[in-house]
Structure formats: structure tokens, C-alpha cells
Amino acid sequence: MTLKQHMKFWLVFIVIFVVFLVLLSDILLPFVLGMAVAYFLDPVADRLELAGLNRTAATSLIIGLFILFVVLMTILLVPVLLEQIIGLLKRLPAYVISLHDFLMPLVERFVDVSAVQQSDEFKKAVSEYAGTAIKGLGTLSKNIVGGGIAIVNIVTLMVITPVVAFYLLRDWDNIVEKVNGWLPRKNAKQIRTVVKEIDSVLAGFVRGQATACFILATYYGVALLLTGLEFGLVIGIITGLISFIPFVGAIVGFVASVGVALIQFWPDPMMIGIVGGIFVVGQILEGYVLTPNLVGEKVGLHPVWVMFGLLAGGSLFGFVGVLIAVPMAAVVGVLSRFGIRQYLDSPFYESLSLELDQDPEDTDN
């Protein structure tokens, strides 16, 4: 095949794949979750095989323990989290009023707030921005919730996901071997090298980051709960779970926790400082212990690229898009680096470099 035919083939493949995601995004959630669970737990199955268990027994044990863990977490945490979320929503207006009363004296020292509030431009801007914000939140909620969990019945989700995970985990090595046999012999070695790099990035980021998020969610939830902070458990768990979005998790958790602490503990600086210190310790734990040991420094996924991938995936495909955003970002990143390496090693780059480095006076002579 010529280069033009190769490009045409991959372009058609990408278009078909995107159309497939768009048309079937409403039913893909349990399959994507099942695939993610299988990929995440494959190393555990491999170790159990080395210990003497056959693949089916190892898979059954792993999926059984995974289901037990999910059920226990659901029974123990969901009622408490729902209670705290409902309580937080009920108290939110009071928090906003308290925060307003706390900040306004500080703001009025520098700005004539009453004059600004009475101006027509201010009223018009508030009205427009409020409408835009509400519309944006509604669209985002519809894309994420309506495009995923709300459409797929939660019971079906809980049934299909373990089944998909079981069969994929059991047959993972056979699937890899079969796909390996489909590779074109001429480029098989090169393709395997790229796929290994992709797997290394995914293993470092997806598996490592998921483990780090679980540890951070446990740490923040328990630590904030022990301080007596209102709704500390739900704030801590949400902070840990969204820590895979660079900087966002820590910033959101710090602002929410310190904001609640200011309202609840003021004027006790000790308790407010303890709440803030929990996040300082959490950032040290994440930056110097969890990330180097679980994620690694050579993953090659820039924080801006990760955030762009998450926003783009959520906007295009809803909740399913959020789930596949990071793996797709990893694949695109590895392929981009591979393409750049190929370009730098190509005769075209060498000839172009020679032309640029050549002295114009030598050319005239």
C-alpha cells in the first residue's frame, strides 16, 4: 500500500470509530466500565496465574472480590454521602449569605459596592452572565448525566459491567494474542513498540492515578471528618476522586473546606488552620509519594492536555467521553511523539536541515 492508501484507510477507520461512539454512546457505558475494570485488574490475574491458579479461577476470584468491595462501599458510604450531599444543598444558601456577610466589609474598603450594584450596566451584566451560567450548567448536566447513567438503567449497569469485565479479563491474553496475529508483518515490530509505549502510559496514569485518587479520597474524607468539619466526608471524597484532573481537585477541595471552616469555626484560627493544613499535607503526599511511586514521572501526559481531553470528551460524548478521554489522550500523545520521531529521522528533515544550515555565500560560489 502507498502512503496515500495508508492515510485513506486510517482516516476512514477514525471516521467510522467516531460515528460509532456518537451513535451508540447511550449504551456504551457498562462496556467501557467493564473494559476499564478488566484492564485495571489484568496484572492481578497474571500474578494469580503465576501462583498456580488457572485463568478462569483467577478471574472469578478477582471479579467476586471486586463486586464484594463495590457492594460494601455502596452499603457503607452511599447512605452517608447522600445524607451529607442533601444537607450541604440545604445549607448552601445559608453558607452563601454567611460568606457574603464575611467578605462584604473587606470589599467595601476598596470599592463603592452600593454605587456599582445600582448601575444599569451591573444589573444587565449580572442578568446575562447568570442566564449563561445556568444554561451552561444545564447543558453540562444533560451531557454527562443524561448521556450516560440516566439513560442506562442503574440496575442494568451493575449487572452488565461485571459480566463484561469477567469475560474480558478471562480472555485478555487470548485477545491480545489474536490481535497480535493480525498485525502486518512488515510493520509488526514497530507497531508492538508503539503499543507497549501506550500501555506503559496507560498503566502509569490510569492504574496509578486511580490508586492515588482512592488513597487521597480516603485520606481527605477521614481527616476532614475527624476535624468535625460539616460535610467533611463528602468534600474529602469528592476532592480525592477528582484529583486525576490536575490541580482542580486540590483547589476545589481547599476552597470548599476552608470556606465551610471559616463559617463553622470562625473566629477560631486553630481549626481553620488545621483544615488548611490537611490539604497542604495532602499535596505533599500526592506530589512526593503517590505520584512518583504510582504514576511515575515519565508518563508524558501534560496536565493541560489531560484537562483538554476531559473537557472535549465530556462535551462530545457525555459521561462515556469523560471515561475514555484520558486513554484517548494517552494514545494521541504517544502517536504524536512517534510521528515526531519518524519525522526527525526522515530524509526530508535531514535535507531540510542541510538547506537551512548551508552558507548562502557557499551557494553563490
Protein backbone atom coordinates (compact mmCIF):
# COMPACT_ATOMS: atom_id res chain seq x y z
CA MET A 1 0.00 0.00 0.00
CA THR A 2 1.18 3.52 -0.78
CA LEU A 3 1.32 6.30 1.79
CA LYS A 4 -1.84 7.80 0.30
CA GLN A 5 -3.70 4.49 0.66
CA HIS A 6 -2.49 4.14 4.27
CA MET A 7 -3.74 7.62 5.13
CA LYS A 8 -7.08 6.96 3.45
CA PHE A 9 -7.51 3.68 5.36
CA TRP A 10 -6.79 5.25 8.78
CA LEU A 11 -8.93 8.29 8.01
CA VAL A 12 -11.90 6.05 7.17
CA PHE A 13 -11.25 3.98 10.31
CA ILE A 14 -11.19 7.08 12.56
CA VAL A 15 -14.40 8.45 11.00
CA ILE A 16 -16.19 5.10 11.50
CA PHE A 17 -14.95 4.92 15.11
CA VAL A 18 -16.18 8.45 15.93
CA VAL A 19 -19.57 7.79 14.29
CA PHE A 20 -19.80 4.55 16.30
CA LEU A 21 -19.19 6.46 19.56
CA VAL A 22 -21.73 9.14 18.68
CA LEU A 23 -24.50 6.74 17.67
CA LEU A 24 -24.00 4.23 20.49
CA SER A 25 -22.78 6.48 23.33
CA ASP A 26 -26.05 5.94 25.23
CA ILE A 27 -25.40 2.20 25.69
CA LEU A 28 -21.59 2.09 25.82
CA LEU A 29 -21.19 2.99 29.49
CA PRO A 30 -21.31 -0.55 31.02
CA PHE A 31 -18.98 -1.88 28.31
CA VAL A 32 -16.47 0.93 28.77
CA LEU A 33 -16.57 0.44 32.56
CA GLY A 34 -16.18 -3.32 32.13
CA MET A 35 -13.19 -2.84 29.84
CA ALA A 36 -11.64 -0.39 32.31
CA VAL A 37 -12.09 -2.85 35.19
CA ALA A 38 -10.57 -5.69 33.15
CA TYR A 39 -7.58 -3.58 32.11
CA PHE A 40 -7.08 -2.33 35.67
CA LEU A 41 -7.15 -5.83 37.19
CA ASP A 42 -5.25 -7.75 34.48
CA PRO A 43 -1.89 -7.60 36.36
CA VAL A 44 -3.57 -9.15 39.41
CA ALA A 45 -4.90 -12.01 37.27
CA ASP A 46 -1.42 -12.55 35.80
CA ARG A 47 0.08 -12.81 39.28
CA LEU A 48 -2.56 -15.31 40.40
CA GLU A 49 -1.81 -17.38 37.29
CA LEU A 50 1.88 -17.41 38.23
CA ALA A 51 0.83 -18.55 41.71
CA GLY A 52 -0.84 -21.64 40.20
CA LEU A 53 -4.47 -20.68 39.52
CA ASN A 54 -5.90 -21.11 36.03
CA ARG A 55 -7.18 -18.01 34.28
CA THR A 56 -10.89 -18.73 34.85
CA ALA A 57 -10.43 -19.36 38.58
CA ALA A 58 -8.26 -16.26 38.95
CA THR A 59 -10.81 -14.14 37.09
CA SER A 60 -13.71 -15.48 39.15
CA LEU A 61 -11.87 -14.73 42.39
CA ILE A 62 -10.89 -11.21 41.32
CA ILE A 63 -14.32 -10.21 39.98
CA GLY A 64 -16.02 -11.74 43.04
CA LEU A 65 -13.84 -9.72 45.41
CA PHE A 66 -14.33 -6.61 43.26
CA ILE A 67 -18.13 -6.97 43.38
CA LEU A 68 -17.98 -7.56 47.15
CA PHE A 69 -15.87 -4.43 47.58
CA VAL A 70 -18.27 -2.32 45.48
CA VAL A 71 -21.31 -3.65 47.36
CA LEU A 72 -19.73 -2.97 50.75
CA MET A 73 -18.71 0.54 49.73
CA THR A 74 -22.22 1.15 48.41
CA ILE A 75 -23.87 -0.06 51.62
CA LEU A 76 -21.47 1.76 53.94
CA LEU A 77 -20.81 5.01 52.09
CA VAL A 78 -23.73 5.83 49.79
CA PRO A 79 -26.32 6.50 52.57
CA VAL A 80 -23.85 8.70 54.46
CA LEU A 81 -22.78 10.55 51.31
CA LEU A 82 -26.38 11.11 50.21
CA GLU A 83 -27.26 12.45 53.65
CA GLN A 84 -24.30 14.83 53.60
CA ILE A 85 -24.95 15.95 50.00
CA ILE A 86 -28.61 16.70 50.78
CA GLY A 87 -27.59 18.52 53.96
CA LEU A 88 -24.97 20.52 52.07
CA LEU A 89 -27.51 21.57 49.44
CA LYS A 90 -29.94 22.65 52.16
CA ARG A 91 -27.25 24.67 53.96
CA LEU A 92 -25.78 26.15 50.77
CA PRO A 93 -27.96 29.32 50.78
CA ALA A 94 -27.00 29.96 54.42
CA TYR A 95 -23.32 29.45 53.54
CA VAL A 96 -23.59 31.91 50.67
CA ILE A 97 -25.22 34.53 52.95
CA SER A 98 -22.59 33.99 55.66
CA LEU A 99 -19.79 34.24 53.12
CA HIS A 100 -21.35 37.42 51.72
CA ASP A 101 -21.54 38.96 55.20
CA PHE A 102 -17.93 37.95 55.88
CA LEU A 103 -16.45 39.30 52.63
CA MET A 104 -18.51 42.46 52.06
CA PRO A 105 -16.83 44.57 54.80
CA LEU A 106 -13.44 43.72 53.25
CA VAL A 107 -14.60 44.55 49.72
CA GLU A 108 -16.29 47.83 50.77
CA ARG A 109 -12.94 49.15 51.97
CA PHE A 110 -11.75 49.34 48.36
CA VAL A 111 -14.94 49.50 46.23
CA ASP A 112 -18.13 51.53 46.49
CA VAL A 113 -20.36 48.44 46.27
CA SER A 114 -23.68 50.24 46.58
CA ALA A 115 -22.91 52.51 43.61
CA VAL A 116 -21.82 49.56 41.49
CA GLN A 117 -24.90 47.49 42.37
CA GLN A 118 -27.25 50.34 41.40
CA SER A 119 -25.70 50.88 37.97
CA ASP A 120 -27.64 49.63 34.94
CA GLU A 121 -24.51 48.04 33.43
CA PHE A 122 -24.01 45.91 36.54
CA LYS A 123 -27.62 44.70 36.60
CA LYS A 124 -27.53 43.88 32.90
CA ALA A 125 -24.21 42.03 33.20
CA VAL A 126 -25.41 40.00 36.20
CA SER A 127 -28.60 39.05 34.38
CA GLU A 128 -26.75 37.98 31.23
CA TYR A 129 -24.00 36.07 33.00
CA ALA A 130 -26.44 34.34 35.34
CA GLY A 131 -28.54 33.18 32.40
CA THR A 132 -25.46 31.95 30.56
CA ALA A 133 -24.16 30.13 33.65
CA ILE A 134 -27.47 28.39 34.31
CA LYS A 135 -27.76 27.37 30.66
CA GLY A 136 -24.19 26.08 30.65
CA LEU A 137 -24.70 24.05 33.82
CA GLY A 138 -27.90 22.60 32.40
CA THR A 139 -26.17 21.60 29.18
CA LEU A 140 -23.24 20.07 31.04
CA SER A 141 -25.54 18.10 33.35
CA LYS A 142 -27.56 16.86 30.40
CA ASN A 143 -24.45 15.77 28.50
CA ILE A 144 -22.85 14.00 31.44
CA VAL A 145 -25.83 12.55 33.29
CA GLY A 146 -28.41 12.34 30.53
CA GLY A 147 -25.91 10.87 28.09
CA GLY A 148 -24.81 8.16 30.49
CA ILE A 149 -26.18 6.99 33.80
CA ALA A 150 -29.70 8.43 33.42
CA ILE A 151 -30.33 6.59 30.15
CA VAL A 152 -28.80 3.25 31.10
CA ASN A 153 -30.77 1.82 34.00
CA ILE A 154 -28.53 1.62 37.07
CA VAL A 155 -29.51 -1.98 37.75
CA THR A 156 -28.59 -2.98 34.19
CA LEU A 157 -25.31 -1.11 34.61
CA MET A 158 -24.46 -3.06 37.76
CA VAL A 159 -25.30 -6.36 36.07
CA ILE A 160 -23.67 -5.87 32.67
CA THR A 161 -20.43 -4.26 33.88
CA PRO A 162 -19.24 -7.25 35.99
CA VAL A 163 -20.20 -9.69 33.21
CA VAL A 164 -18.25 -7.70 30.59
CA ALA A 165 -15.33 -7.34 33.00
CA PHE A 166 -15.31 -11.10 33.71
CA TYR A 167 -15.20 -12.21 30.08
CA LEU A 168 -12.68 -9.58 29.02
CA LEU A 169 -10.40 -10.32 31.98
CA ARG A 170 -10.64 -14.08 31.40
CA ASP A 171 -9.87 -13.78 27.69
CA TRP A 172 -7.49 -10.80 27.86
CA ASP A 173 -4.33 -12.71 26.91
CA ASN A 174 -6.12 -14.54 24.09
CA ILE A 175 -7.48 -11.25 22.73
CA VAL A 176 -4.01 -9.69 22.81
CA GLU A 177 -2.50 -12.72 21.10
CA LYS A 178 -5.16 -12.73 18.37
CA VAL A 179 -4.79 -9.01 17.67
CA ASN A 180 -1.02 -9.51 17.60
CA GLY A 181 -1.51 -12.09 14.86
CA TRP A 182 -3.44 -9.57 12.75
CA LEU A 183 -0.54 -7.11 12.59
CA PRO A 184 1.10 -6.62 9.18
CA ARG A 185 4.40 -8.50 9.26
CA LYS A 186 6.37 -5.68 7.72
CA ASN A 187 5.48 -3.19 10.48
CA ALA A 188 4.66 -5.61 13.32
CA LYS A 189 7.77 -4.85 15.37
CA GLN A 190 7.25 -1.10 15.10
CA ILE A 191 3.56 -1.36 15.99
CA ARG A 192 4.35 -3.52 19.04
CA THR A 193 6.85 -0.90 20.23
CA VAL A 194 4.24 1.86 19.96
CA VAL A 195 1.56 -0.27 21.66
CA LYS A 196 3.93 -1.10 24.52
CA GLU A 197 4.58 2.62 24.99
CA ILE A 198 0.82 3.28 25.01
CA ASP A 199 0.31 0.50 27.56
CA SER A 200 3.11 1.93 29.70
CA VAL A 201 1.46 5.37 29.68
CA LEU A 202 -1.99 3.93 30.43
CA ALA A 203 -0.66 1.66 33.17
CA GLY A 204 1.22 4.53 34.75
CA PHE A 205 -1.59 7.04 34.51
CA VAL A 206 -4.87 5.09 34.63
CA ARG A 207 -3.89 2.38 37.10
CA GLY A 208 -1.52 4.57 39.08
CA GLN A 209 -3.76 7.63 39.15
CA ALA A 210 -6.84 5.59 40.08
CA THR A 211 -4.97 4.12 43.05
CA ALA A 212 -3.69 7.56 44.04
CA CYS A 213 -7.22 9.04 43.83
CA PHE A 214 -8.59 6.27 46.06
CA ILE A 215 -5.88 6.87 48.66
CA LEU A 216 -6.42 10.65 48.55
CA ALA A 217 -10.20 10.27 48.82
CA THR A 218 -9.74 8.09 51.91
CA TYR A 219 -7.21 10.48 53.45
CA TYR A 220 -9.19 13.69 52.83
CA GLY A 221 -12.51 12.13 53.84
CA VAL A 222 -11.25 10.65 57.11
CA ALA A 223 -9.07 13.67 58.02
CA LEU A 224 -11.82 16.24 57.44
CA LEU A 225 -14.34 14.03 59.25
CA LEU A 226 -12.06 13.83 62.30
CA THR A 227 -11.80 17.63 62.46
CA GLY A 228 -15.57 17.81 62.88
CA LEU A 229 -15.97 19.84 59.69
CA GLU A 230 -19.56 19.85 58.46
CA PHE A 231 -19.90 17.71 55.33
CA GLY A 232 -16.15 16.96 55.58
CA LEU A 233 -16.59 13.36 54.44
CA VAL A 234 -18.33 14.19 51.17
CA ILE A 235 -15.98 17.12 50.44
CA GLY A 236 -12.94 14.94 51.11
CA ILE A 237 -14.11 12.01 48.99
CA ILE A 238 -15.08 14.25 46.06
CA THR A 239 -11.73 16.04 46.34
CA GLY A 240 -9.83 12.76 46.15
CA LEU A 241 -11.91 11.35 43.31
CA ILE A 242 -11.41 14.39 41.08
CA SER A 243 -7.70 14.64 41.85
CA PHE A 244 -6.99 12.97 38.50
CA ILE A 245 -7.78 16.38 36.96
CA PRO A 246 -4.52 18.26 37.58
CA PHE A 247 -4.80 20.97 40.26
CA VAL A 248 -8.61 21.05 40.03
CA GLY A 249 -9.26 18.54 42.81
CA ALA A 250 -6.95 20.24 45.31
CA ILE A 251 -8.20 23.75 44.51
CA VAL A 252 -11.90 22.80 44.69
CA GLY A 253 -11.42 20.83 47.91
CA PHE A 254 -9.34 23.54 49.57
CA VAL A 255 -11.76 26.34 48.70
CA ALA A 256 -14.82 24.31 49.77
CA SER A 257 -13.27 23.07 53.02
CA VAL A 258 -11.73 26.35 54.12
CA GLY A 259 -14.94 28.17 53.15
CA VAL A 260 -17.03 25.87 55.34
CA ALA A 261 -14.39 26.07 58.10
CA LEU A 262 -14.48 29.88 58.05
CA ILE A 263 -18.24 29.83 58.53
CA GLN A 264 -18.29 26.99 61.07
CA PHE A 265 -15.19 27.70 63.21
CA TRP A 266 -14.75 31.48 62.93
CA PRO A 267 -13.10 33.13 64.86
CA ASP A 268 -11.06 30.03 65.85
CA PRO A 269 -7.88 30.27 63.72
CA MET A 270 -6.55 26.96 65.02
CA MET A 271 -9.35 24.84 63.48
CA ILE A 272 -9.30 26.81 60.23
CA GLY A 273 -5.53 26.30 60.06
CA ILE A 274 -5.91 22.55 60.69
CA VAL A 275 -8.37 22.24 57.79
CA GLY A 276 -6.00 24.15 55.51
CA GLY A 277 -3.07 22.08 56.78
CA ILE A 278 -4.84 18.86 55.79
CA PHE A 279 -4.66 19.98 52.16
CA VAL A 280 -1.02 21.04 52.47
CA VAL A 281 -0.17 17.54 53.77
CA GLY A 282 -2.35 16.02 51.03
CA GLN A 283 -0.45 17.91 48.33
CA ILE A 284 2.89 16.81 49.80
CA LEU A 285 1.60 13.22 49.93
CA GLU A 286 0.42 13.41 46.32
CA GLY A 287 3.45 15.21 44.90
CA TYR A 288 6.28 13.41 46.71
CA VAL A 289 4.88 9.94 47.49
CA LEU A 290 1.87 8.89 45.41
CA THR A 291 2.65 10.43 42.02
CA PRO A 292 6.34 9.35 41.84
CA ASN A 293 5.64 5.81 43.07
CA LEU A 294 2.24 5.06 41.49
CA VAL A 295 2.04 7.26 38.39
CA GLY A 296 5.68 7.89 37.56
CA GLU A 297 7.42 10.91 36.12
CA LYS A 298 7.71 9.64 32.51
CA VAL A 299 4.04 9.19 31.72
CA GLY A 300 4.23 12.01 29.20
CA LEU A 301 0.71 13.40 29.71
CA HIS A 302 0.85 17.14 30.22
CA PRO A 303 -1.75 18.47 32.70
CA VAL A 304 -3.17 20.88 30.10
CA TRP A 305 -3.55 18.00 27.61
CA VAL A 306 -5.38 15.92 30.23
CA MET A 307 -7.79 18.76 31.06
CA PHE A 308 -8.44 19.42 27.38
CA GLY A 309 -9.12 15.73 26.77
CA LEU A 310 -11.58 15.53 29.67
CA LEU A 311 -13.49 18.63 28.57
CA ALA A 312 -13.52 17.57 24.92
CA GLY A 313 -14.64 14.01 25.76
CA GLY A 314 -17.42 15.22 28.07
CA SER A 315 -18.63 17.76 25.52
CA LEU A 316 -18.69 15.30 22.61
CA PHE A 317 -19.80 12.02 24.20
CA GLY A 318 -21.07 12.86 27.69
CA PHE A 319 -20.09 10.62 30.60
CA VAL A 320 -18.69 7.94 28.28
CA GLY A 321 -16.45 10.60 26.75
CA VAL A 322 -15.11 11.50 30.19
CA LEU A 323 -14.23 7.84 30.82
CA ILE A 324 -12.36 7.36 27.54
CA ALA A 325 -10.82 10.86 27.44
CA VAL A 326 -7.59 10.07 29.29
CA PRO A 327 -6.89 6.78 27.43
CA MET A 328 -7.51 8.53 24.10
CA ALA A 329 -5.31 11.44 25.19
CA ALA A 330 -2.57 8.94 26.05
CA VAL A 331 -2.89 7.21 22.67
CA VAL A 332 -2.83 10.51 20.77
CA GLY A 333 0.16 11.69 22.81
CA VAL A 334 2.17 8.52 22.14
CA LEU A 335 1.30 8.54 18.42
CA SER A 336 2.22 12.22 18.19
CA ARG A 337 5.62 11.58 19.77
CA PHE A 338 6.13 8.60 17.45
CA GLY A 339 5.24 10.74 14.43
CA ILE A 340 7.71 13.44 15.51
CA ARG A 341 10.46 10.84 15.97
CA GLN A 342 9.75 9.45 12.50
CA TYR A 343 9.90 12.97 11.06
CA LEU A 344 13.21 13.76 12.79
CA ASP A 345 14.74 10.51 11.44
CA SER A 346 13.37 11.02 7.93
CA PRO A 347 15.46 12.09 4.89
CA PHE A 348 13.07 15.03 4.44
CA TYR A 349 14.08 16.52 7.81
CA GLU A 350 17.78 15.88 7.12
CA SER A 351 17.62 17.52 3.69
CA LEU A 352 15.67 20.48 5.10
CA SER A 353 18.22 20.91 7.91
CA LEU A 354 21.11 20.82 5.44
CA GLU A 355 19.46 23.52 3.31
CA LEU A 356 18.92 25.76 6.36
CA ASP A 357 22.45 25.21 7.66
CA GLN A 358 24.11 25.77 4.31
CA ASP A 359 26.00 29.06 3.99
CA PRO A 360 24.42 31.37 1.35
CA GLU A 361 27.92 32.52 0.23
CA ASP A 362 28.91 28.90 -0.48
CA THR A 363 25.79 28.53 -2.57
CA ASP A 364 26.69 31.60 -4.66
CA ASN A 365 30.18 30.22 -5.31
